[in-house]
PDB file of N, CA and C in Angstrom:
ATOM      1  N   ILE A   1     206.435  63.780  25.637  1.00  0.00           N
ATOM      2  CA  ILE A   1     205.864  63.093  26.778  1.00  0.00           C
ATOM      3  C   ILE A   1     206.979  62.317  27.464  1.00  0.00           C
ATOM      4  N   VAL A   2     207.040  62.380  28.789  1.00  0.00           N
ATOM      5  CA  VAL A   2     208.037  61.638  29.545  1.00  0.00           C
ATOM      6  C   VAL A   2     207.319  60.612  30.411  1.00  0.00           C
ATOM      7  N   VAL A   3     207.701  59.356  30.273  1.00  0.00           N
ATOM      8  CA  VAL A   3     207.117  58.267  31.037  1.00  0.00           C
ATOM      9  C   VAL A   3     208.261  57.504  31.687  1.00  0.00           C
ATOM     10  N   ASP A   4     208.305  57.478  33.011  1.00  0.00           N
ATOM     11  CA  ASP A   4     209.372  56.796  33.740  1.00  0.00           C
ATOM     12  C   ASP A   4     210.758  57.217  33.260  1.00  0.00           C
ATOM     13  N   GLY A   5     210.915  58.508  32.943  1.00  0.00           N
ATOM     14  CA  GLY A   5     212.205  59.023  32.514  1.00  0.00           C
ATOM     15  C   GLY A   5     212.530  58.772  31.054  1.00  0.00           C
ATOM     16  N   VAL A   6     211.637  58.129  30.317  1.00  0.00           N
ATOM     17  CA  VAL A   6     211.854  57.854  28.902  1.00  0.00           C
ATOM     18  C   VAL A   6     210.997  58.820  28.093  1.00  0.00           C
ATOM     19  N   THR A   7     211.629  59.545  27.185  1.00  0.00           N
ATOM     20  CA  THR A   7     210.901  60.499  26.362  1.00  0.00           C
ATOM     21  C   THR A   7     210.252  59.789  25.188  1.00  0.00           C
ATOM     22  N   VAL A   8     208.958  60.023  25.000  1.00  0.00           N
ATOM     23  CA  VAL A   8     208.207  59.430  23.901  1.00  0.00           C
ATOM     24  C   VAL A   8     207.800  60.564  22.966  1.00  0.00           C
ATOM     25  N   GLY A   9     208.036  60.415  21.686  1.00  0.00           N
ATOM     26  CA  GLY A   9     207.693  61.462  20.734  1.00  0.00           C
ATOM     27  C   GLY A   9     208.812  62.468  20.611  1.00  0.00           C
ATOM     28  N   ARG A  10     208.505  63.595  20.015  1.00  0.00           N
ATOM     29  CA  ARG A  10     209.504  64.640  19.847  1.00  0.00           C
ATOM     30  C   ARG A  10     208.897  65.973  20.235  1.00  0.00           C
ATOM     31  N   PRO A  11     209.717  66.896  20.693  1.00  0.00           N
ATOM     32  CA  PRO A  11     209.188  68.220  21.005  1.00  0.00           C
ATOM     33  C   PRO A  11     208.699  68.887  19.721  1.00  0.00           C
ATOM     34  N   CYS A  12     207.598  69.597  19.795  1.00  0.00           N
ATOM     35  CA  CYS A  12     207.065  70.235  18.591  1.00  0.00           C
ATOM     36  C   CYS A  12     206.654  71.671  18.898  1.00  0.00           C
ATOM     37  N   CYS A  13     206.490  72.426  17.841  1.00  0.00           N
ATOM     38  CA  CYS A  13     206.101  73.827  17.923  1.00  0.00           C
ATOM     39  C   CYS A  13     204.743  73.953  18.618  1.00  0.00           C
ATOM     40  N   GLY A  14     204.546  75.049  19.359  1.00  0.00           N
ATOM     41  CA  GLY A  14     203.300  75.280  20.072  1.00  0.00           C
ATOM     42  C   GLY A  14     202.142  75.697  19.191  1.00  0.00           C
ATOM     43  N   VAL A  15     202.398  75.919  17.903  1.00  0.00           N
ATOM     44  CA  VAL A  15     201.333  76.282  16.972  1.00  0.00           C
ATOM     45  C   VAL A  15     200.701  74.997  16.451  1.00  0.00           C
ATOM     46  N   HIS A  16     199.385  74.908  16.542  1.00  0.00           N
ATOM     47  CA  HIS A  16     198.661  73.698  16.146  1.00  0.00           C
ATOM     48  C   HIS A  16     198.996  73.292  14.714  1.00  0.00           C
ATOM     49  N   ASP A  17     199.295  72.023  14.518  1.00  0.00           N
ATOM     50  CA  ASP A  17     199.605  71.407  13.221  1.00  0.00           C
ATOM     51  C   ASP A  17     200.917  71.865  12.597  1.00  0.00           C
ATOM     52  N   CYS A  18     201.768  72.566  13.322  1.00  0.00           N
ATOM     53  CA  CYS A  18     203.084  72.939  12.794  1.00  0.00           C
ATOM     54  C   CYS A  18     204.018  71.748  12.987  1.00  0.00           C
ATOM     55  N   MET A  19     204.666  71.324  11.925  1.00  0.00           N
ATOM     56  CA  MET A  19     205.542  70.151  11.978  1.00  0.00           C
ATOM     57  C   MET A  19     207.022  70.527  11.995  1.00  0.00           C
ATOM     58  N   ASN A  20     207.347  71.826  12.086  1.00  0.00           N
ATOM     59  CA  ASN A  20     208.743  72.255  12.123  1.00  0.00           C
ATOM     60  C   ASN A  20     209.387  71.816  13.430  1.00  0.00           C
ATOM     61  N   GLU A  21     210.657  71.457  13.349  1.00  0.00           N
ATOM     62  CA  GLU A  21     211.376  71.029  14.548  1.00  0.00           C
ATOM     63  C   GLU A  21     211.823  72.234  15.362  1.00  0.00           C
ATOM     64  N   LEU A  22     212.022  72.000  16.644  1.00  0.00           N
ATOM     65  CA  LEU A  22     212.519  73.037  17.537  1.00  0.00           C
ATOM     66  C   LEU A  22     214.037  72.984  17.575  1.00  0.00           C
ATOM     67  N   ASP A  23     214.683  74.138  17.808  1.00  0.00           N
ATOM     68  CA  ASP A  23     216.134  74.168  17.929  1.00  0.00           C
ATOM     69  C   ASP A  23     216.583  73.524  19.231  1.00  0.00           C
ATOM     70  N   SER A  24     215.767  73.634  20.261  1.00  0.00           N
ATOM     71  CA  SER A  24     216.097  73.117  21.585  1.00  0.00           C
ATOM     72  C   SER A  24     214.827  72.559  22.223  1.00  0.00           C
ATOM     73  N   VAL A  25     214.966  71.596  23.107  1.00  0.00           N
ATOM     74  CA  VAL A  25     213.794  71.058  23.800  1.00  0.00           C
ATOM     75  C   VAL A  25     213.185  72.094  24.742  1.00  0.00           C
ATOM     76  N   LYS A  26     213.912  73.167  25.031  1.00  0.00           N
ATOM     77  CA  LYS A  26     213.402  74.231  25.894  1.00  0.00           C
ATOM     78  C   LYS A  26     212.561  75.253  25.130  1.00  0.00           C
ATOM     79  N   ASP A  27     212.630  75.217  23.802  1.00  0.00           N
ATOM     80  CA  ASP A  27     211.863  76.159  22.984  1.00  0.00           C
ATOM     81  C   ASP A  27     210.386  75.782  22.983  1.00  0.00           C
ATOM     82  N   HIS A  28     209.534  76.790  22.792  1.00  0.00           N
ATOM     83  CA  HIS A  28     208.091  76.555  22.677  1.00  0.00           C
ATOM     84  C   HIS A  28     207.622  76.684  21.240  1.00  0.00           C
ATOM     85  N   TYR A  29     208.362  77.458  20.445  1.00  0.00           N
ATOM     86  CA  TYR A  29     207.976  77.704  19.060  1.00  0.00           C
ATOM     87  C   TYR A  29     209.167  77.463  18.140  1.00  0.00           C
ATOM     88  N   CYS A  30     208.871  77.059  16.900  1.00  0.00           N
ATOM     89  CA  CYS A  30     209.911  76.837  15.898  1.00  0.00           C
ATOM     90  C   CYS A  30     210.468  78.192  15.439  1.00  0.00           C
ATOM     91  N   GLN A  31     211.371  78.171  14.479  1.00  0.00           N
ATOM     92  CA  GLN A  31     212.010  79.404  14.014  1.00  0.00           C
ATOM     93  C   GLN A  31     211.212  80.153  12.945  1.00  0.00           C
ATOM     94  N   ASP A  32     210.026  79.686  12.603  1.00  0.00           N
ATOM     95  CA  ASP A  32     209.175  80.402  11.653  1.00  0.00           C
ATOM     96  C   ASP A  32     208.921  81.806  12.215  1.00  0.00           C
ATOM     97  N   PRO A  33     209.190  82.864  11.430  1.00  0.00           N
ATOM     98  CA  PRO A  33     209.023  84.237  11.943  1.00  0.00           C
ATOM     99  C   PRO A  33     207.623  84.528  12.495  1.00  0.00           C
ATOM    100  N   GLU A  34     206.592  83.951  11.886  1.00  0.00           N
ATOM    101  CA  GLU A  34     205.229  84.167  12.387  1.00  0.00           C
ATOM    102  C   GLU A  34     205.029  83.503  13.744  1.00  0.00           C
ATOM    103  N   HIS A  35     205.667  82.377  13.967  1.00  0.00           N
ATOM    104  CA  HIS A  35     205.536  81.668  15.237  1.00  0.00           C
ATOM    105  C   HIS A  35     206.394  82.329  16.309  1.00  0.00           C
ATOM    106  N   GLN A  36     207.535  82.890  15.931  1.00  0.00           N
ATOM    107  CA  GLN A  36     208.405  83.564  16.890  1.00  0.00           C
ATOM    108  C   GLN A  36     207.741  84.808  17.479  1.00  0.00           C
ATOM    109  N   LYS A  37     206.794  85.393  16.757  1.00  0.00           N
ATOM    110  CA  LYS A  37     206.060  86.554  17.281  1.00  0.00           C
ATOM    111  C   LYS A  37     205.250  86.176  18.519  1.00  0.00           C
ATOM    112  N   LEU A  38     204.917  84.898  18.659  1.00  0.00           N
ATOM    113  CA  LEU A  38     204.099  84.437  19.784  1.00  0.00           C
ATOM    114  C   LEU A  38     204.896  84.285  21.078  1.00  0.00           C
ATOM    115  N   VAL A  39     206.221  84.338  20.984  1.00  0.00           N
ATOM    116  CA  VAL A  39     207.068  84.154  22.168  1.00  0.00           C
ATOM    117  C   VAL A  39     206.748  85.199  23.233  1.00  0.00           C
ATOM    118  N   ASN A  40     206.470  86.423  22.820  1.00  0.00           N
ATOM    119  CA  ASN A  40     206.212  87.507  23.774  1.00  0.00           C
ATOM    120  C   ASN A  40     204.737  87.849  23.922  1.00  0.00           C
ATOM    121  N   LYS A  41     203.844  86.954  23.499  1.00  0.00           N
ATOM    122  CA  LYS A  41     202.402  87.183  23.613  1.00  0.00           C
ATOM    123  C   LYS A  41     201.929  86.808  25.018  1.00  0.00           C
ATOM    124  N   CYS A  42     200.938  87.512  25.498  1.00  0.00           N
ATOM    125  CA  CYS A  42     200.316  87.200  26.791  1.00  0.00           C
ATOM    126  C   CYS A  42     199.855  85.740  26.798  1.00  0.00           C
ATOM    127  N   ALA A  43     199.999  85.063  27.923  1.00  0.00           N
ATOM    128  CA  ALA A  43     199.646  83.644  28.030  1.00  0.00           C
ATOM    129  C   ALA A  43     198.140  83.392  27.967  1.00  0.00           C
ATOM    130  N   VAL A  44     197.325  84.430  28.155  1.00  0.00           N
ATOM    131  CA  VAL A  44     195.874  84.278  28.052  1.00  0.00           C
ATOM    132  C   VAL A  44     195.536  84.174  26.563  1.00  0.00           C
ATOM    133  N   ILE A  45     194.923  83.083  26.158  1.00  0.00           N
ATOM    134  CA  ILE A  45     194.737  82.763  24.742  1.00  0.00           C
ATOM    135  C   ILE A  45     194.011  83.861  23.971  1.00  0.00           C
ATOM    136  N   VAL A  46     192.964  84.432  24.535  1.00  0.00           N
ATOM    137  CA  VAL A  46     192.172  85.423  23.799  1.00  0.00           C
ATOM    138  C   VAL A  46     192.792  86.822  23.815  1.00  0.00           C
ATOM    139  N   CYS A  47     193.844  87.031  24.572  1.00  0.00           N
ATOM    140  CA  CYS A  47     194.490  88.337  24.673  1.00  0.00           C
ATOM    141  C   CYS A  47     195.539  88.481  23.570  1.00  0.00           C
ATOM    142  N   LYS A  48     195.565  89.625  22.930  1.00  0.00           N
ATOM    143  CA  LYS A  48     196.521  89.887  21.842  1.00  0.00           C
ATOM    144  C   LYS A  48     197.695  90.751  22.305  1.00  0.00           C
ATOM    145  N   ALA A  49     197.693  91.187  23.568  1.00  0.00           N
ATOM    146  CA  ALA A  49     198.737  92.083  24.074  1.00  0.00           C
ATOM    147  C   ALA A  49     200.057  91.346  24.279  1.00  0.00           C
ATOM    148  N   GLN A  50     201.132  92.119  24.339  1.00  0.00           N
ATOM    149  CA  GLN A  50     202.451  91.566  24.608  1.00  0.00           C
ATOM    150  C   GLN A  50     202.610  91.367  26.111  1.00  0.00           C
ATOM    151  N   ARG A  51     203.326  90.318  26.490  1.00  0.00           N
ATOM    152  CA  ARG A  51     203.558  90.089  27.914  1.00  0.00           C
ATOM    153  C   ARG A  51     204.592  91.087  28.421  1.00  0.00           C
ATOM    154  N   GLU A  52     204.579  91.308  29.722  1.00  0.00           N
ATOM    155  CA  GLU A  52     205.531  92.221  30.333  1.00  0.00           C
ATOM    156  C   GLU A  52     206.751  91.449  30.808  1.00  0.00           C
ATOM    157  N   SER A  53     207.856  92.122  30.870  1.00  0.00           N
ATOM    158  CA  SER A  53     209.114  91.504  31.272  1.00  0.00           C
ATOM    159  C   SER A  53     208.992  90.871  32.660  1.00  0.00           C
ATOM    160  N   GLY A  54     209.430  89.635  32.780  1.00  0.00           N
ATOM    161  CA  GLY A  54     209.379  88.933  34.051  1.00  0.00           C
ATOM    162  C   GLY A  54     208.059  88.246  34.342  1.00  0.00           C
ATOM    163  N   HIS A  55     207.109  88.352  33.433  1.00  0.00           N
ATOM    164  CA  HIS A  55     205.789  87.753  33.612  1.00  0.00           C
ATOM    165  C   HIS A  55     205.391  86.986  32.355  1.00  0.00           C
ATOM    166  N   ARG A  56     204.404  86.120  32.503  1.00  0.00           N
ATOM    167  CA  ARG A  56     203.870  85.392  31.347  1.00  0.00           C
ATOM    168  C   ARG A  56     202.636  86.071  30.775  1.00  0.00           C
ATOM    169  N   THR A  57     202.190  87.139  31.421  1.00  0.00           N
ATOM    170  CA  THR A  57     200.973  87.825  30.991  1.00  0.00           C
ATOM    171  C   THR A  57     201.235  89.310  30.782  1.00  0.00           C
ATOM    172  N   CYS A  58     200.233  89.986  30.209  1.00  0.00           N
ATOM    173  CA  CYS A  58     200.292  91.437  30.024  1.00  0.00           C
ATOM    174  C   CYS A  58     199.983  92.117  31.367  1.00  0.00           C
ATOM    175  N   GLY A  59     199.822  93.432  31.345  1.00  0.00           N
ATOM    176  CA  GLY A  59     199.580  94.176  32.576  1.00  0.00           C
ATOM    177  C   GLY A  59     198.141  94.175  33.062  1.00  0.00           C
ATOM    178  N   ASP A  60     197.221  93.559  32.334  1.00  0.00           N
ATOM    179  CA  ASP A  60     195.814  93.494  32.745  1.00  0.00           C
ATOM    180  C   ASP A  60     195.730  92.825  34.122  1.00  0.00           C
ATOM    181  N   PRO A  61     195.084  93.475  35.102  1.00  0.00           N
ATOM    182  CA  PRO A  61     195.031  92.912  36.462  1.00  0.00           C
ATOM    183  C   PRO A  61     194.454  91.493  36.534  1.00  0.00           C
ATOM    184  N   ASP A  62     193.449  91.194  35.709  1.00  0.00           N
ATOM    185  CA  ASP A  62     192.877  89.841  35.715  1.00  0.00           C
ATOM    186  C   ASP A  62     193.879  88.822  35.188  1.00  0.00           C
ATOM    187  N   HIS A  63     194.603  89.198  34.160  1.00  0.00           N
ATOM    188  CA  HIS A  63     195.602  88.292  33.589  1.00  0.00           C
ATOM    189  C   HIS A  63     196.777  88.127  34.549  1.00  0.00           C
ATOM    190  N   ARG A  64     197.158  89.218  35.205  1.00  0.00           N
ATOM    191  CA  ARG A  64     198.266  89.152  36.160  1.00  0.00           C
ATOM    192  C   ARG A  64     197.895  88.266  37.343  1.00  0.00           C
ATOM    193  N   ALA A  65     196.613  88.257  37.723  1.00  0.00           N
ATOM    194  CA  ALA A  65     196.155  87.385  38.811  1.00  0.00           C
ATOM    195  C   ALA A  65     196.337  85.920  38.426  1.00  0.00           C
ATOM    196  N   LEU A  66     196.080  85.582  37.164  1.00  0.00           N
ATOM    197  CA  LEU A  66     196.307  84.206  36.701  1.00  0.00           C
ATOM    198  C   LEU A  66     197.784  83.848  36.776  1.00  0.00           C
ATOM    199  N   ASP A  67     198.636  84.793  36.398  1.00  0.00           N
ATOM    200  CA  ASP A  67     200.081  84.583  36.447  1.00  0.00           C
ATOM    201  C   ASP A  67     200.527  84.369  37.893  1.00  0.00           C
ATOM    202  N   SER A  68     200.003  85.170  38.808  1.00  0.00           N
ATOM    203  CA  SER A  68     200.347  85.031  40.226  1.00  0.00           C
ATOM    204  C   SER A  68     199.865  83.697  40.776  1.00  0.00           C
ATOM    205  N   TRP A  69     198.668  83.268  40.363  1.00  0.00           N
ATOM    206  CA  TRP A  69     198.137  81.985  40.825  1.00  0.00           C
ATOM    207  C   TRP A  69     199.025  80.840  40.353  1.00  0.00           C
ATOM    208  N   ALA A  70     199.493  80.908  39.119  1.00  0.00           N
ATOM    209  CA  ALA A  70     200.360  79.852  38.589  1.00  0.00           C
ATOM    210  C   ALA A  70     201.659  79.787  39.382  1.00  0.00           C
ATOM    211  N   ASN A  71     202.206  80.940  39.745  1.00  0.00           N
ATOM    212  CA  ASN A  71     203.433  80.965  40.546  1.00  0.00           C
ATOM    213  C   ASN A  71     203.174  80.465  41.961  1.00  0.00           C
ATOM    214  N   MET A  72     202.037  80.825  42.540  1.00  0.00           N
ATOM    215  CA  MET A  72     201.699  80.401  43.893  1.00  0.00           C
ATOM    216  C   MET A  72     201.433  78.894  43.937  1.00  0.00           C
ATOM    217  N   HIS A  73     200.837  78.341  42.883  1.00  0.00           N
ATOM    218  CA  HIS A  73     200.513  76.918  42.840  1.00  0.00           C
ATOM    219  C   HIS A  73     201.764  76.063  43.038  1.00  0.00           C
ATOM    220  N   ALA A  74     202.883  76.492  42.506  1.00  0.00           N
ATOM    221  CA  ALA A  74     204.126  75.730  42.642  1.00  0.00           C
ATOM    222  C   ALA A  74     204.702  75.825  44.054  1.00  0.00           C
ATOM    223  N   LYS A  75     204.153  76.718  44.869  1.00  0.00           N
ATOM    224  CA  LYS A  75     204.666  76.919  46.222  1.00  0.00           C
ATOM    225  C   LYS A  75     203.632  76.565  47.279  1.00  0.00           C
ATOM    226  N   ALA A  76     202.659  75.756  46.916  1.00  0.00           N
ATOM    227  CA  ALA A  76     201.571  75.401  47.822  1.00  0.00           C
ATOM    228  C   ALA A  76     202.099  74.650  49.043  1.00  0.00           C
ATOM    229  N   MET A  77     201.464  74.877  50.175  1.00  0.00           N
ATOM    230  CA  MET A  77     201.914  74.261  51.426  1.00  0.00           C
ATOM    231  C   MET A  77     201.901  72.738  51.363  1.00  0.00           C
ATOM    232  N   PHE A  78     200.923  72.140  50.666  1.00  0.00           N
ATOM    233  CA  PHE A  78     200.890  70.684  50.625  1.00  0.00           C
ATOM    234  C   PHE A  78     202.108  70.127  49.893  1.00  0.00           C
ATOM    235  N   GLN A  79     202.722  70.921  49.043  1.00  0.00           N
ATOM    236  CA  GLN A  79     203.921  70.466  48.342  1.00  0.00           C
ATOM    237  C   GLN A  79     205.172  70.667  49.178  1.00  0.00           C
ATOM    238  N   LEU A  80     205.109  71.577  50.130  1.00  0.00           N
ATOM    239  CA  LEU A  80     206.284  71.887  50.938  1.00  0.00           C
ATOM    240  C   LEU A  80     206.430  70.965  52.142  1.00  0.00           C
ATOM    241  N   ARG A  81     205.421  70.178  52.441  1.00  0.00           N
ATOM    242  CA  ARG A  81     205.485  69.301  53.611  1.00  0.00           C
ATOM    243  C   ARG A  81     206.265  68.058  53.337  1.00  0.00           C
TER     244      ARG A  81
END
């Protein structure tokens, strides 16, 4: 958590209740081999497919629409003004 530029707490693995440390603050998962398998998983929680290169989701059109929406949200006109 970052509050006024001060980091509170420590970065942790994206797997619930995993207490292993991350190698880098940019990592999402620790080095546990079972957790590393999740790096290439589709971002949709209930989907078990692998994500496609350059995307956070698999090739499912509904999942790809979510990925496109997330990318578009960062480019919204109200943010560009």
